[in-house]
Every structure is written in structure tokens, then in C-alpha cells.
Amino acid sequence: MTPRTKKLIGAIVTLIWLPIYALIAAAVGMHLAHAMPNAPWFVLFLYYALAGTLWIVPVGLMFPWMYREPS
């Protein structure tokens, strides 16, 4: 597979992954807010900070594959 094709696949997967992840993260965040109404503000802050950065893990794991030279 050519590097150009890999980059196209990576871009498409990223464009599909991000909205799905954002909807799931928001739904979990809303569930946490309703499940723990008396929780301190920093609990939800930590969740959203973590959820806001964890989306990069699958995308970051895809980069080595995308930029690997064909053998």
C-alpha cells in the first residue's frame, strides 16, 4: 500500500472516529454529572480533561502505520 493511500485511510478513519468519540465522551460526562450531582466541580473537570486528550491515543497509534515506508 502506498504512503498516499495510507494517509487517505488515516484521514478518513480520523474524521469518522472523532465525532463518534466526542458523542460517547459527552454522553458519559452527562451520565457522570447526573449520577453524582453532589460531586465537587473538579471531578467533572478531570473527566473532561482526560476525555479531551484521550482521543489522540488511537490517532497517535495510527501515525507510525501511516508513515511507515512500504516494504
N, C-alpha and C. Protein backbone atom coordinates (compact mmCIF):
# COMPACT_ATOMS: atom_id res chain seq x y z
N MET A 1 0.85 -1.17 0.00
CA MET A 1 0.00 0.00 0.00
C MET A 1 0.90 1.24 0.00
N THR A 2 0.56 2.18 -0.81
CA THR A 2 1.40 3.38 -0.92
C THR A 2 1.18 4.29 0.29
N PRO A 3 2.19 5.11 0.60
CA PRO A 3 2.03 6.06 1.72
C PRO A 3 0.85 7.01 1.50
N ARG A 4 0.60 7.37 0.28
CA ARG A 4 -0.51 8.28 -0.01
C ARG A 4 -1.86 7.64 0.32
N THR A 5 -2.01 6.37 0.00
CA THR A 5 -3.24 5.65 0.32
C THR A 5 -3.39 5.49 1.83
N LYS A 6 -2.29 5.19 2.52
CA LYS A 6 -2.34 5.06 3.97
C LYS A 6 -2.77 6.38 4.62
N LYS A 7 -2.26 7.48 4.12
CA LYS A 7 -2.63 8.79 4.69
C LYS A 7 -4.10 9.09 4.44
N LEU A 8 -4.60 8.72 3.27
CA LEU A 8 -6.02 8.92 2.98
C LEU A 8 -6.88 8.08 3.92
N ILE A 9 -6.52 6.82 4.11
CA ILE A 9 -7.26 5.96 5.03
C ILE A 9 -7.19 6.52 6.44
N GLY A 10 -6.02 6.96 6.86
CA GLY A 10 -5.86 7.55 8.19
C GLY A 10 -6.72 8.80 8.38
N ALA A 11 -6.80 9.63 7.36
CA ALA A 11 -7.63 10.84 7.45
C ALA A 11 -9.10 10.48 7.54
N ILE A 12 -9.54 9.51 6.77
CA ILE A 12 -10.95 9.10 6.80
C ILE A 12 -11.30 8.48 8.15
N VAL A 13 -10.43 7.62 8.65
CA VAL A 13 -10.67 6.99 9.95
C VAL A 13 -10.72 8.06 11.05
N THR A 14 -9.85 9.04 10.98
CA THR A 14 -9.84 10.11 11.98
C THR A 14 -11.13 10.93 11.92
N LEU A 15 -11.58 11.23 10.71
CA LEU A 15 -12.81 12.02 10.56
C LEU A 15 -14.05 11.25 11.02
N ILE A 16 -14.00 9.94 10.97
CA ILE A 16 -15.11 9.13 11.49
C ILE A 16 -14.98 8.96 13.00
N TRP A 17 -13.75 8.73 13.48
CA TRP A 17 -13.50 8.46 14.89
C TRP A 17 -13.83 9.65 15.79
N LEU A 18 -13.43 10.84 15.41
CA LEU A 18 -13.58 11.99 16.31
C LEU A 18 -15.03 12.31 16.68
N PRO A 19 -15.96 12.40 15.73
CA PRO A 19 -17.35 12.68 16.15
C PRO A 19 -17.96 11.57 17.00
N ILE A 20 -17.64 10.32 16.67
CA ILE A 20 -18.17 9.22 17.47
C ILE A 20 -17.61 9.29 18.89
N TYR A 21 -16.30 9.52 19.02
CA TYR A 21 -15.68 9.62 20.33
C TYR A 21 -16.24 10.80 21.11
N ALA A 22 -16.44 11.93 20.45
CA ALA A 22 -16.96 13.12 21.13
C ALA A 22 -18.37 12.87 21.67
N LEU A 23 -19.20 12.21 20.89
CA LEU A 23 -20.56 11.92 21.35
C LEU A 23 -20.55 10.95 22.53
N ILE A 24 -19.72 9.94 22.46
CA ILE A 24 -19.62 8.99 23.57
C ILE A 24 -19.08 9.67 24.83
N ALA A 25 -18.03 10.48 24.68
CA ALA A 25 -17.44 11.18 25.83
C ALA A 25 -18.45 12.14 26.45
N ALA A 26 -19.21 12.84 25.63
CA ALA A 26 -20.22 13.77 26.16
C ALA A 26 -21.34 13.01 26.87
N ALA A 27 -21.75 11.87 26.32
CA ALA A 27 -22.80 11.08 26.96
C ALA A 27 -22.32 10.54 28.31
N VAL A 28 -21.10 10.06 28.36
CA VAL A 28 -20.55 9.57 29.63
C VAL A 28 -20.44 10.72 30.63
N GLY A 29 -20.00 11.88 30.17
CA GLY A 29 -19.90 13.05 31.05
C GLY A 29 -21.25 13.47 31.61
N MET A 30 -22.28 13.44 30.76
CA MET A 30 -23.63 13.78 31.24
C MET A 30 -24.11 12.74 32.25
N HIS A 31 -23.81 11.48 31.98
CA HIS A 31 -24.20 10.42 32.91
C HIS A 31 -23.49 10.61 34.26
N LEU A 32 -22.22 10.94 34.22
CA LEU A 32 -21.48 11.19 35.47
C LEU A 32 -22.07 12.37 36.23
N ALA A 33 -22.44 13.41 35.52
CA ALA A 33 -22.99 14.60 36.17
C ALA A 33 -24.33 14.28 36.84
N HIS A 34 -25.13 13.42 36.20
CA HIS A 34 -26.42 13.06 36.80
C HIS A 34 -26.26 12.00 37.88
N ALA A 35 -25.27 11.14 37.74
CA ALA A 35 -25.06 10.08 38.74
C ALA A 35 -24.45 10.63 40.03
N MET A 36 -23.67 11.70 39.91
CA MET A 36 -23.02 12.28 41.09
C MET A 36 -23.33 13.77 41.15
N PRO A 37 -24.57 14.12 41.49
CA PRO A 37 -24.93 15.55 41.48
C PRO A 37 -24.21 16.38 42.54
N ASN A 38 -23.75 15.75 43.60
CA ASN A 38 -23.08 16.49 44.67
C ASN A 38 -21.56 16.37 44.61
N ALA A 39 -21.05 15.86 43.51
CA ALA A 39 -19.60 15.71 43.37
C ALA A 39 -18.95 17.09 43.24
N PRO A 40 -17.72 17.22 43.71
CA PRO A 40 -17.02 18.50 43.55
C PRO A 40 -16.81 18.82 42.07
N TRP A 41 -16.66 20.09 41.76
CA TRP A 41 -16.54 20.52 40.37
C TRP A 41 -15.32 19.93 39.69
N PHE A 42 -14.25 19.67 40.45
CA PHE A 42 -13.02 19.20 39.82
C PHE A 42 -13.12 17.75 39.34
N VAL A 43 -14.09 16.99 39.85
CA VAL A 43 -14.26 15.61 39.37
C VAL A 43 -14.67 15.63 37.89
N LEU A 44 -15.68 16.41 37.57
CA LEU A 44 -16.09 16.52 36.16
C LEU A 44 -15.01 17.22 35.33
N PHE A 45 -14.34 18.18 35.91
CA PHE A 45 -13.25 18.84 35.20
C PHE A 45 -12.17 17.84 34.82
N LEU A 46 -11.80 16.98 35.77
CA LEU A 46 -10.78 15.96 35.48
C LEU A 46 -11.27 14.98 34.41
N TYR A 47 -12.56 14.60 34.48
CA TYR A 47 -13.09 13.70 33.46
C TYR A 47 -12.99 14.34 32.08
N TYR A 48 -13.47 15.56 31.95
CA TYR A 48 -13.46 16.22 30.64
C TYR A 48 -12.04 16.51 30.16
N ALA A 49 -11.14 16.80 31.08
CA ALA A 49 -9.74 17.00 30.68
C ALA A 49 -9.15 15.69 30.16
N LEU A 50 -9.44 14.60 30.84
CA LEU A 50 -8.94 13.30 30.41
C LEU A 50 -9.60 12.87 29.10
N ALA A 51 -10.91 13.00 29.03
CA ALA A 51 -11.63 12.62 27.81
C ALA A 51 -11.22 13.50 26.63
N GLY A 52 -10.90 14.74 26.91
CA GLY A 52 -10.50 15.65 25.84
C GLY A 52 -9.12 15.36 25.28
N THR A 53 -8.32 14.60 26.00
CA THR A 53 -6.98 14.28 25.50
C THR A 53 -6.83 12.82 25.07
N LEU A 54 -7.71 11.95 25.54
CA LEU A 54 -7.58 10.53 25.21
C LEU A 54 -7.92 10.19 23.77
N TRP A 55 -8.60 11.08 23.06
CA TRP A 55 -8.94 10.79 21.67
C TRP A 55 -7.69 10.65 20.81
N ILE A 56 -6.61 11.25 21.25
CA ILE A 56 -5.39 11.26 20.45
C ILE A 56 -4.67 9.91 20.48
N VAL A 57 -4.96 9.05 21.46
CA VAL A 57 -4.25 7.77 21.57
C VAL A 57 -4.45 6.91 20.32
N PRO A 58 -5.68 6.62 19.90
CA PRO A 58 -5.83 5.81 18.69
C PRO A 58 -5.27 6.48 17.44
N VAL A 59 -5.43 7.78 17.35
CA VAL A 59 -4.90 8.51 16.20
C VAL A 59 -3.37 8.46 16.23
N GLY A 60 -2.79 8.64 17.40
CA GLY A 60 -1.34 8.58 17.53
C GLY A 60 -0.77 7.21 17.24
N LEU A 61 -1.53 6.17 17.55
CA LEU A 61 -1.09 4.82 17.24
C LEU A 61 -1.18 4.52 15.74
N MET A 62 -2.00 5.27 15.05
CA MET A 62 -2.14 5.08 13.61
C MET A 62 -1.01 5.77 12.84
N PHE A 63 -0.39 6.79 13.39
CA PHE A 63 0.66 7.53 12.69
C PHE A 63 1.84 6.68 12.25
N PRO A 64 2.39 5.82 13.11
CA PRO A 64 3.52 5.01 12.63
C PRO A 64 3.14 4.14 11.43
N TRP A 65 1.93 3.61 11.43
CA TRP A 65 1.47 2.82 10.30
C TRP A 65 1.36 3.69 9.04
N MET A 66 0.82 4.89 9.21
CA MET A 66 0.62 5.77 8.06
C MET A 66 1.95 6.19 7.43
N TYR A 67 2.97 6.41 8.24
CA TYR A 67 4.22 6.94 7.72
C TYR A 67 5.30 5.88 7.52
N ARG A 68 4.95 4.62 7.76
CA ARG A 68 5.91 3.55 7.52
C ARG A 68 6.12 3.38 6.03
N GLU A 69 7.38 3.24 5.66
CA GLU A 69 7.70 3.04 4.25
C GLU A 69 7.26 1.66 3.80
N PRO A 70 6.73 1.56 2.58
CA PRO A 70 6.33 0.24 2.10
C PRO A 70 7.54 -0.69 1.96
N SER A 71 7.33 -1.94 2.33
CA SER A 71 8.44 -2.87 2.26
C SER A 71 8.31 -3.83 1.10
